[in-house]
Amino acid sequence: MSKLKSLEELFGGRHFDREIIILCVRWYLRYKLSLRDLVEMMAERGLSLAHTTILRWVRRYG
């Protein structure tokens, strides 16, 4: 039995696509961006996010 969850199980039930989640987590961990910087960057791309949403993603997927 594998300990790793499948992508469907890991990202199932999420409001946003997994690509958006992965992108935000990657940028937050790789570059010295604040959560609010990421919110602004996503707003420029037409996505409405709260900084606490990204924080939850970082805690879960980071």
PDB file of N, CA and C in Angstrom:
ATOM      1  N   MET A   1       0.848  -1.184   0.000  1.00  0.00           N
ATOM      2  CA  MET A   1       0.000   0.000   0.000  1.00  0.00           C
ATOM      3  C   MET A   1       0.888   1.240   0.000  1.00  0.00           C
ATOM      4  N   SER A   2       0.615   2.133  -0.886  1.00  0.00           N
ATOM      5  CA  SER A   2       1.438   3.326  -1.035  1.00  0.00           C
ATOM      6  C   SER A   2       1.040   4.396  -0.028  1.00  0.00           C
ATOM      7  N   LYS A   3       2.060   5.026   0.552  1.00  0.00           N
ATOM      8  CA  LYS A   3       1.798   6.109   1.498  1.00  0.00           C
ATOM      9  C   LYS A   3       1.470   7.409   0.766  1.00  0.00           C
ATOM     10  N   LEU A   4       1.941   7.518  -0.473  1.00  0.00           N
ATOM     11  CA  LEU A   4       1.680   8.728  -1.245  1.00  0.00           C
ATOM     12  C   LEU A   4       0.257   8.705  -1.780  1.00  0.00           C
ATOM     13  N   LYS A   5      -0.419   9.820  -1.634  1.00  0.00           N
ATOM     14  CA  LYS A   5      -1.779   9.939  -2.145  1.00  0.00           C
ATOM     15  C   LYS A   5      -1.728  10.286  -3.623  1.00  0.00           C
ATOM     16  N   SER A   6      -2.734   9.885  -4.345  1.00  0.00           N
ATOM     17  CA  SER A   6      -2.809  10.269  -5.744  1.00  0.00           C
ATOM     18  C   SER A   6      -3.150  11.757  -5.834  1.00  0.00           C
ATOM     19  N   LEU A   7      -2.890  12.337  -6.975  1.00  0.00           N
ATOM     20  CA  LEU A   7      -3.166  13.765  -7.158  1.00  0.00           C
ATOM     21  C   LEU A   7      -4.643  14.071  -6.981  1.00  0.00           C
ATOM     22  N   GLU A   8      -5.493  13.161  -7.421  1.00  0.00           N
ATOM     23  CA  GLU A   8      -6.929  13.385  -7.267  1.00  0.00           C
ATOM     24  C   GLU A   8      -7.322  13.435  -5.794  1.00  0.00           C
ATOM     25  N   GLU A   9      -6.722  12.558  -4.988  1.00  0.00           N
ATOM     26  CA  GLU A   9      -7.021  12.561  -3.554  1.00  0.00           C
ATOM     27  C   GLU A   9      -6.435  13.788  -2.873  1.00  0.00           C
ATOM     28  N   LEU A  10      -5.232  14.162  -3.287  1.00  0.00           N
ATOM     29  CA  LEU A  10      -4.531  15.279  -2.644  1.00  0.00           C
ATOM     30  C   LEU A  10      -5.216  16.618  -2.922  1.00  0.00           C
ATOM     31  N   PHE A  11      -5.682  16.810  -4.153  1.00  0.00           N
ATOM     32  CA  PHE A  11      -6.276  18.084  -4.539  1.00  0.00           C
ATOM     33  C   PHE A  11      -7.792  18.004  -4.721  1.00  0.00           C
ATOM     34  N   GLY A  12      -8.380  16.902  -4.371  1.00  0.00           N
ATOM     35  CA  GLY A  12      -9.814  16.726  -4.540  1.00  0.00           C
ATOM     36  C   GLY A  12     -10.613  17.683  -3.669  1.00  0.00           C
ATOM     37  N   GLY A  13     -11.681  18.219  -4.214  1.00  0.00           N
ATOM     38  CA  GLY A  13     -12.559  19.105  -3.468  1.00  0.00           C
ATOM     39  C   GLY A  13     -12.069  20.532  -3.328  1.00  0.00           C
ATOM     40  N   ARG A  14     -11.000  20.876  -3.988  1.00  0.00           N
ATOM     41  CA  ARG A  14     -10.464  22.239  -3.910  1.00  0.00           C
ATOM     42  C   ARG A  14     -11.208  23.147  -4.876  1.00  0.00           C
ATOM     43  N   HIS A  15     -11.364  24.398  -4.477  1.00  0.00           N
ATOM     44  CA  HIS A  15     -12.061  25.382  -5.303  1.00  0.00           C
ATOM     45  C   HIS A  15     -11.220  25.785  -6.509  1.00  0.00           C
ATOM     46  N   PHE A  16      -9.906  25.869  -6.324  1.00  0.00           N
ATOM     47  CA  PHE A  16      -9.000  26.302  -7.384  1.00  0.00           C
ATOM     48  C   PHE A  16      -8.308  25.094  -8.007  1.00  0.00           C
ATOM     49  N   ASP A  17      -7.881  25.255  -9.254  1.00  0.00           N
ATOM     50  CA  ASP A  17      -7.149  24.193  -9.944  1.00  0.00           C
ATOM     51  C   ASP A  17      -5.832  23.924  -9.233  1.00  0.00           C
ATOM     52  N   ARG A  18      -5.375  22.685  -9.339  1.00  0.00           N
ATOM     53  CA  ARG A  18      -4.134  22.326  -8.653  1.00  0.00           C
ATOM     54  C   ARG A  18      -2.939  23.095  -9.213  1.00  0.00           C
ATOM     55  N   GLU A  19      -2.987  23.498 -10.491  1.00  0.00           N
ATOM     56  CA  GLU A  19      -1.887  24.268 -11.066  1.00  0.00           C
ATOM     57  C   GLU A  19      -1.729  25.615 -10.357  1.00  0.00           C
ATOM     58  N   ILE A  20      -2.836  26.246 -10.006  1.00  0.00           N
ATOM     59  CA  ILE A  20      -2.803  27.528  -9.301  1.00  0.00           C
ATOM     60  C   ILE A  20      -2.241  27.328  -7.897  1.00  0.00           C
ATOM     61  N   ILE A  21      -2.681  26.283  -7.229  1.00  0.00           N
ATOM     62  CA  ILE A  21      -2.201  25.999  -5.873  1.00  0.00           C
ATOM     63  C   ILE A  21      -0.708  25.739  -5.888  1.00  0.00           C
ATOM     64  N   ILE A  22      -0.264  24.890  -6.802  1.00  0.00           N
ATOM     65  CA  ILE A  22       1.157  24.556  -6.894  1.00  0.00           C
ATOM     66  C   ILE A  22       1.983  25.794  -7.229  1.00  0.00           C
ATOM     67  N   LEU A  23       1.486  26.622  -8.131  1.00  0.00           N
ATOM     68  CA  LEU A  23       2.202  27.833  -8.520  1.00  0.00           C
ATOM     69  C   LEU A  23       2.375  28.780  -7.337  1.00  0.00           C
ATOM     70  N   CYS A  24       1.311  29.009  -6.589  1.00  0.00           N
ATOM     71  CA  CYS A  24       1.399  29.908  -5.431  1.00  0.00           C
ATOM     72  C   CYS A  24       2.353  29.369  -4.371  1.00  0.00           C
ATOM     73  N   VAL A  25       2.253  28.085  -4.086  1.00  0.00           N
ATOM     74  CA  VAL A  25       3.136  27.485  -3.076  1.00  0.00           C
ATOM     75  C   VAL A  25       4.587  27.553  -3.545  1.00  0.00           C
ATOM     76  N   ARG A  26       4.824  27.248  -4.806  1.00  0.00           N
ATOM     77  CA  ARG A  26       6.192  27.289  -5.344  1.00  0.00           C
ATOM     78  C   ARG A  26       6.774  28.692  -5.266  1.00  0.00           C
ATOM     79  N   TRP A  27       6.009  29.687  -5.701  1.00  0.00           N
ATOM     80  CA  TRP A  27       6.514  31.059  -5.681  1.00  0.00           C
ATOM     81  C   TRP A  27       6.751  31.537  -4.254  1.00  0.00           C
ATOM     82  N   TYR A  28       5.874  31.174  -3.336  1.00  0.00           N
ATOM     83  CA  TYR A  28       6.038  31.600  -1.945  1.00  0.00           C
ATOM     84  C   TYR A  28       7.305  30.989  -1.343  1.00  0.00           C
ATOM     85  N   LEU A  29       7.539  29.717  -1.617  1.00  0.00           N
ATOM     86  CA  LEU A  29       8.696  29.041  -1.022  1.00  0.00           C
ATOM     87  C   LEU A  29      10.002  29.363  -1.733  1.00  0.00           C
ATOM     88  N   ARG A  30       9.948  29.611  -3.022  1.00  0.00           N
ATOM     89  CA  ARG A  30      11.174  29.839  -3.792  1.00  0.00           C
ATOM     90  C   ARG A  30      11.660  31.285  -3.717  1.00  0.00           C
ATOM     91  N   TYR A  31      10.749  32.233  -3.811  1.00  0.00           N
ATOM     92  CA  TYR A  31      11.101  33.650  -3.830  1.00  0.00           C
ATOM     93  C   TYR A  31      10.627  34.294  -2.540  1.00  0.00           C
ATOM     94  N   LYS A  32      11.222  35.374  -2.171  1.00  0.00           N
ATOM     95  CA  LYS A  32      10.845  36.054  -0.931  1.00  0.00           C
ATOM     96  C   LYS A  32       9.654  36.968  -1.181  1.00  0.00           C
ATOM     97  N   LEU A  33       8.525  36.339  -1.438  1.00  0.00           N
ATOM     98  CA  LEU A  33       7.287  37.072  -1.662  1.00  0.00           C
ATOM     99  C   LEU A  33       6.412  36.941  -0.426  1.00  0.00           C
ATOM    100  N   SER A  34       5.697  38.001  -0.126  1.00  0.00           N
ATOM    101  CA  SER A  34       4.738  37.904   0.966  1.00  0.00           C
ATOM    102  C   SER A  34       3.448  37.287   0.420  1.00  0.00           C
ATOM    103  N   LEU A  35       2.613  36.855   1.330  1.00  0.00           N
ATOM    104  CA  LEU A  35       1.328  36.295   0.918  1.00  0.00           C
ATOM    105  C   LEU A  35       0.496  37.341   0.193  1.00  0.00           C
ATOM    106  N   ARG A  36       0.575  38.570   0.653  1.00  0.00           N
ATOM    107  CA  ARG A  36      -0.191  39.644   0.011  1.00  0.00           C
ATOM    108  C   ARG A  36       0.364  39.995  -1.368  1.00  0.00           C
ATOM    109  N   ASP A  37       1.689  39.833  -1.558  1.00  0.00           N
ATOM    110  CA  ASP A  37       2.258  39.986  -2.900  1.00  0.00           C
ATOM    111  C   ASP A  37       1.662  38.957  -3.848  1.00  0.00           C
ATOM    112  N   LEU A  38       1.552  37.725  -3.375  1.00  0.00           N
ATOM    113  CA  LEU A  38       0.972  36.672  -4.206  1.00  0.00           C
ATOM    114  C   LEU A  38      -0.496  36.942  -4.511  1.00  0.00           C
ATOM    115  N   VAL A  39      -1.222  37.498  -3.549  1.00  0.00           N
ATOM    116  CA  VAL A  39      -2.626  37.851  -3.785  1.00  0.00           C
ATOM    117  C   VAL A  39      -2.716  38.877  -4.909  1.00  0.00           C
ATOM    118  N   GLU A  40      -1.833  39.875  -4.879  1.00  0.00           N
ATOM    119  CA  GLU A  40      -1.820  40.894  -5.935  1.00  0.00           C
ATOM    120  C   GLU A  40      -1.464  40.285  -7.287  1.00  0.00           C
ATOM    121  N   MET A  41      -0.481  39.384  -7.297  1.00  0.00           N
ATOM    122  CA  MET A  41      -0.074  38.745  -8.548  1.00  0.00           C
ATOM    123  C   MET A  41      -1.209  37.902  -9.137  1.00  0.00           C
ATOM    124  N   MET A  42      -1.929  37.220  -8.295  1.00  0.00           N
ATOM    125  CA  MET A  42      -3.053  36.413  -8.770  1.00  0.00           C
ATOM    126  C   MET A  42      -4.216  37.308  -9.218  1.00  0.00           C
ATOM    127  N   ALA A  43      -4.394  38.453  -8.552  1.00  0.00           N
ATOM    128  CA  ALA A  43      -5.436  39.401  -8.963  1.00  0.00           C
ATOM    129  C   ALA A  43      -5.148  39.947 -10.357  1.00  0.00           C
ATOM    130  N   GLU A  44      -3.874  40.150 -10.681  1.00  0.00           N
ATOM    131  CA  GLU A  44      -3.503  40.600 -12.018  1.00  0.00           C
ATOM    132  C   GLU A  44      -3.858  39.555 -13.069  1.00  0.00           C
ATOM    133  N   ARG A  45      -3.950  38.316 -12.650  1.00  0.00           N
ATOM    134  CA  ARG A  45      -4.303  37.223 -13.555  1.00  0.00           C
ATOM    135  C   ARG A  45      -5.790  36.889 -13.500  1.00  0.00           C
ATOM    136  N   GLY A  46      -6.554  37.704 -12.769  1.00  0.00           N
ATOM    137  CA  GLY A  46      -7.997  37.541 -12.738  1.00  0.00           C
ATOM    138  C   GLY A  46      -8.518  36.597 -11.658  1.00  0.00           C
ATOM    139  N   LEU A  47      -7.691  36.243 -10.693  1.00  0.00           N
ATOM    140  CA  LEU A  47      -8.100  35.356  -9.608  1.00  0.00           C
ATOM    141  C   LEU A  47      -8.260  36.136  -8.314  1.00  0.00           C
ATOM    142  N   SER A  48      -9.328  35.898  -7.628  1.00  0.00           N
ATOM    143  CA  SER A  48      -9.574  36.554  -6.349  1.00  0.00           C
ATOM    144  C   SER A  48      -9.257  35.570  -5.230  1.00  0.00           C
ATOM    145  N   LEU A  49      -8.196  35.860  -4.487  1.00  0.00           N
ATOM    146  CA  LEU A  49      -7.745  35.004  -3.384  1.00  0.00           C
ATOM    147  C   LEU A  49      -7.573  35.834  -2.126  1.00  0.00           C
ATOM    148  N   ALA A  50      -7.673  35.173  -0.996  1.00  0.00           N
ATOM    149  CA  ALA A  50      -7.317  35.793   0.280  1.00  0.00           C
ATOM    150  C   ALA A  50      -5.931  35.284   0.670  1.00  0.00           C
ATOM    151  N   HIS A  51      -5.188  36.105   1.389  1.00  0.00           N
ATOM    152  CA  HIS A  51      -3.841  35.679   1.784  1.00  0.00           C
ATOM    153  C   HIS A  51      -3.890  34.463   2.713  1.00  0.00           C
ATOM    154  N   THR A  52      -4.966  34.321   3.468  1.00  0.00           N
ATOM    155  CA  THR A  52      -5.078  33.160   4.359  1.00  0.00           C
ATOM    156  C   THR A  52      -5.279  31.863   3.568  1.00  0.00           C
ATOM    157  N   THR A  53      -5.885  31.964   2.392  1.00  0.00           N
ATOM    158  CA  THR A  53      -6.034  30.784   1.542  1.00  0.00           C
ATOM    159  C   THR A  53      -4.668  30.270   1.114  1.00  0.00           C
ATOM    160  N   ILE A  54      -3.806  31.175   0.678  1.00  0.00           N
ATOM    161  CA  ILE A  54      -2.462  30.783   0.262  1.00  0.00           C
ATOM    162  C   ILE A  54      -1.686  30.234   1.448  1.00  0.00           C
ATOM    163  N   LEU A  55      -1.848  30.818   2.617  1.00  0.00           N
ATOM    164  CA  LEU A  55      -1.174  30.316   3.816  1.00  0.00           C
ATOM    165  C   LEU A  55      -1.596  28.874   4.114  1.00  0.00           C
ATOM    166  N   ARG A  56      -2.884  28.581   3.984  1.00  0.00           N
ATOM    167  CA  ARG A  56      -3.350  27.200   4.192  1.00  0.00           C
ATOM    168  C   ARG A  56      -2.749  26.255   3.159  1.00  0.00           C
ATOM    169  N   TRP A  57      -2.634  26.712   1.916  1.00  0.00           N
ATOM    170  CA  TRP A  57      -2.017  25.879   0.886  1.00  0.00           C
ATOM    171  C   TRP A  57      -0.562  25.600   1.212  1.00  0.00           C
ATOM    172  N   VAL A  58       0.170  26.620   1.662  1.00  0.00           N
ATOM    173  CA  VAL A  58       1.584  26.438   2.001  1.00  0.00           C
ATOM    174  C   VAL A  58       1.721  25.448   3.154  1.00  0.00           C
ATOM    175  N   ARG A  59       0.877  25.548   4.135  1.00  0.00           N
ATOM    176  CA  ARG A  59       0.951  24.620   5.270  1.00  0.00           C
ATOM    177  C   ARG A  59       0.613  23.200   4.858  1.00  0.00           C
ATOM    178  N   ARG A  60      -0.332  23.044   3.940  1.00  0.00           N
ATOM    179  CA  ARG A  60      -0.759  21.700   3.539  1.00  0.00           C
ATOM    180  C   ARG A  60       0.157  21.078   2.497  1.00  0.00           C
ATOM    181  N   TYR A  61       0.582  21.859   1.513  1.00  0.00           N
ATOM    182  CA  TYR A  61       1.320  21.305   0.379  1.00  0.00           C
ATOM    183  C   TYR A  61       2.801  21.664   0.373  1.00  0.00           C
ATOM    184  N   GLY A  62       3.218  22.561   1.232  1.00  0.00           N
ATOM    185  CA  GLY A  62       4.608  23.009   1.231  1.00  0.00           C
ATOM    186  C   GLY A  62       5.576  22.078   1.900  1.00  0.00           C
TER     187      GLY A  62
END
